[in-house]
Amino acid sequence: MSVSASPRDRPAVVTPARSVLSGVLLGVGIAAFVDETVFHQLLHWHHFYDKSTPAAGLVSDGLFHAAGWFCAVGSLFLFADLRRRDALRLRHWWGGLLVGAGGFQLYDGTVQHKLLRLHQIRYHVDIAPYDWTWNVLALAMIVIGGLLLVRARRAGR
C-alpha cells in the first residue's frame, strides 16, 4: 500500500512568479500605507474620495487602508510559504516590490487623480510640481524594479 507524500515532503517546484507576486503585493501595500498615513492622516492633504462629505472621505480612507492592509498581509503569507518551501527568489521579490509600489503610485497619480478625479495630491496650490514628482518617482520605481527582474531572470538561466 502506497502512502502519498504530504506537500511539505514533495520537492518544491521553484518558479519565480510567486516571489514576484509576493513582492508586488507588498509593494502595493506599502505604497498604499505610506499614501494613507502621510497624505491622508498626517498632512490632511486629501481623502481617497473627495467628491462628497468629509465623513464619506473618512470612510473611503478606511476602505482604502483595509485594501492596502490585505495586500500586505497576503504578501507576507506568500513570503512565509516561499521561505518554508525554500523557493523564495529574493531578486525577483525585490523587483516585484518596486514594480508593485511604482505601479500603484502611477495608477494613483494618473487614473485616480487625473482620469477619475477622485482626489488630487493637494488643493489650493499649483499641483504640477506634486504631480510631476509623484509620477516621476513612480516611473523610477517601475524602471528599477523592471531592471531587477530582467537581471534576476538572466541570472536564473
Protein backbone atom coordinates (compact mmCIF):
# COMPACT_ATOMS: atom_id res chain seq x y z
CA MET A 1 0.00 0.00 0.00
CA SER A 2 1.40 3.35 -1.07
CA VAL A 3 1.13 6.42 1.11
CA SER A 4 1.30 9.70 -0.76
CA ALA A 5 3.74 12.26 0.49
CA SER A 6 2.46 15.43 2.07
CA PRO A 7 3.02 18.70 0.19
CA ARG A 8 5.82 19.54 2.61
CA ASP A 9 7.69 16.35 1.70
CA ARG A 10 7.48 16.90 -2.05
CA PRO A 11 10.29 18.85 -3.67
CA ALA A 12 9.24 22.42 -4.36
CA VAL A 13 8.82 23.48 -7.95
CA VAL A 14 10.78 26.70 -7.91
CA THR A 15 9.22 29.34 -10.10
CA PRO A 16 9.98 33.00 -9.62
CA ALA A 17 6.38 34.05 -10.34
CA ARG A 18 5.23 33.56 -6.73
CA SER A 19 8.22 35.54 -5.46
CA VAL A 20 7.33 38.35 -7.88
CA LEU A 21 3.66 38.22 -6.81
CA SER A 22 4.60 38.40 -3.14
CA GLY A 23 6.82 41.41 -3.85
CA VAL A 24 4.19 43.17 -5.96
CA LEU A 25 1.54 42.72 -3.26
CA LEU A 26 3.83 44.07 -0.56
CA GLY A 27 4.84 46.98 -2.82
CA VAL A 28 1.19 47.88 -3.32
CA GLY A 29 0.53 47.50 0.42
CA ILE A 30 3.49 49.69 1.40
CA ALA A 31 2.66 52.39 -1.16
CA ALA A 32 -0.97 52.42 -0.01
CA PHE A 33 0.14 52.58 3.64
CA VAL A 34 2.51 55.49 3.03
CA ASP A 35 -0.09 57.34 0.94
CA GLU A 36 -2.82 56.80 3.53
CA THR A 37 -0.67 57.55 6.56
CA VAL A 38 1.32 60.52 5.28
CA PHE A 39 -1.01 62.32 2.85
CA HIS A 40 -4.42 61.39 4.25
CA GLN A 41 -3.88 61.23 8.01
CA LEU A 42 -0.79 63.26 8.93
CA LEU A 43 -0.82 66.06 6.34
CA HIS A 44 -4.61 66.05 5.70
CA TRP A 45 -3.98 66.85 2.02
CA HIS A 46 -6.80 64.71 0.69
CA HIS A 47 -9.04 61.68 1.20
CA PHE A 48 -9.33 58.70 -1.11
CA TYR A 49 -12.67 60.09 -2.31
CA ASP A 50 -13.02 63.87 -2.09
CA LYS A 51 -16.21 64.40 -4.08
CA SER A 52 -18.56 64.15 -1.10
CA THR A 53 -18.68 64.99 2.59
CA PRO A 54 -15.71 64.72 4.97
CA ALA A 55 -17.44 61.72 6.58
CA ALA A 56 -17.60 59.94 3.22
CA GLY A 57 -13.93 60.80 2.72
CA LEU A 58 -13.03 59.16 6.03
CA VAL A 59 -15.00 56.03 5.16
CA SER A 60 -13.26 55.86 1.77
CA ASP A 61 -9.90 56.23 3.56
CA GLY A 62 -10.79 53.32 5.84
CA LEU A 63 -11.70 51.08 2.89
CA PHE A 64 -8.53 52.12 1.08
CA HIS A 65 -6.44 51.39 4.18
CA ALA A 66 -8.07 47.96 4.57
CA ALA A 67 -7.35 47.08 0.92
CA GLY A 68 -3.68 48.03 1.32
CA TRP A 69 -3.51 46.03 4.55
CA PHE A 70 -4.96 42.93 2.85
CA CYS A 71 -2.34 43.21 0.10
CA ALA A 72 0.46 43.43 2.67
CA VAL A 73 -0.83 40.51 4.76
CA GLY A 74 -1.42 38.35 1.68
CA SER A 75 2.11 39.12 0.55
CA LEU A 76 3.56 38.08 3.88
CA PHE A 77 1.68 34.76 3.80
CA LEU A 78 3.09 34.10 0.33
CA PHE A 79 6.55 35.14 1.52
CA ALA A 80 6.40 32.79 4.52
CA ASP A 81 5.22 29.90 2.33
CA LEU A 82 8.02 30.53 -0.17
CA ARG A 83 10.58 30.60 2.66
CA ARG A 84 9.18 27.40 4.14
CA ARG A 85 9.48 25.64 0.78
CA ASP A 86 12.93 27.13 0.16
CA ALA A 87 11.50 28.61 -3.05
CA LEU A 88 11.91 32.34 -2.36
CA ARG A 89 13.85 34.18 -5.04
CA LEU A 90 14.87 37.47 -3.42
CA ARG A 91 15.95 39.24 -6.62
CA HIS A 92 12.55 38.54 -8.14
CA TRP A 93 10.85 39.55 -4.89
CA TRP A 94 12.65 42.93 -4.70
CA GLY A 95 11.91 43.61 -8.37
CA GLY A 96 8.26 42.80 -7.77
CA LEU A 97 8.16 45.04 -4.70
CA LEU A 98 9.43 48.06 -6.66
CA VAL A 99 7.16 47.36 -9.64
CA GLY A 100 4.18 46.99 -7.27
CA ALA A 101 4.89 50.20 -5.36
CA GLY A 102 5.62 52.17 -8.52
CA GLY A 103 2.65 50.68 -10.35
CA PHE A 104 0.32 51.61 -7.50
CA GLN A 105 1.71 55.14 -7.39
CA LEU A 106 1.49 55.61 -11.16
CA TYR A 107 -2.08 54.27 -11.21
CA ASP A 108 -2.99 56.61 -8.35
CA GLY A 109 -1.35 59.61 -9.98
CA THR A 110 -2.82 59.08 -13.44
CA VAL A 111 -6.11 57.19 -13.13
CA GLN A 112 -7.38 58.31 -9.72
CA HIS A 113 -6.01 61.87 -9.82
CA LYS A 114 -6.42 62.79 -13.48
CA LEU A 115 -8.91 60.47 -15.20
CA LEU A 116 -11.42 59.77 -12.41
CA ARG A 117 -10.62 62.90 -10.40
CA LEU A 118 -11.33 61.09 -7.13
CA HIS A 119 -8.85 63.39 -5.40
CA GLN A 120 -5.74 65.47 -6.05
CA ILE A 121 -2.46 65.29 -4.18
CA ARG A 122 -3.09 68.78 -2.77
CA TYR A 123 -5.65 71.50 -3.15
CA HIS A 124 -5.34 75.30 -3.40
CA VAL A 125 -1.76 75.16 -4.66
CA ASP A 126 -0.10 74.66 -8.03
CA ILE A 127 -0.25 70.85 -8.24
CA ALA A 128 2.04 70.47 -11.26
CA PRO A 129 5.23 70.01 -9.16
CA TYR A 130 3.43 67.46 -6.98
CA ASP A 131 2.09 65.56 -9.99
CA TRP A 132 5.50 65.51 -11.68
CA THR A 133 7.28 64.37 -8.53
CA TRP A 134 4.65 61.70 -7.79
CA ASN A 135 4.65 60.24 -11.28
CA VAL A 136 8.39 60.50 -11.95
CA LEU A 137 9.11 58.66 -8.68
CA ALA A 138 6.55 56.03 -9.71
CA LEU A 139 8.20 55.56 -13.09
CA ALA A 140 11.65 55.37 -11.45
CA MET A 141 10.45 52.57 -9.15
CA ILE A 142 8.91 50.68 -12.07
CA VAL A 143 12.08 51.01 -14.19
CA ILE A 144 14.40 49.96 -11.35
CA GLY A 145 12.10 47.07 -10.42
CA GLY A 146 11.87 46.01 -14.06
CA LEU A 147 15.65 46.07 -14.39
CA LEU A 148 15.98 43.95 -11.25
CA LEU A 149 13.50 41.45 -12.71
CA VAL A 150 15.40 41.28 -16.01
CA ARG A 151 18.70 40.76 -14.18
CA ALA A 152 17.14 38.11 -11.94
CA ARG A 153 15.74 36.28 -14.95
CA ARG A 154 19.10 36.33 -16.72
CA ALA A 155 20.90 35.15 -13.59
CA GLY A 156 18.45 32.25 -13.29
CA ARG A 157 19.34 30.87 -16.72
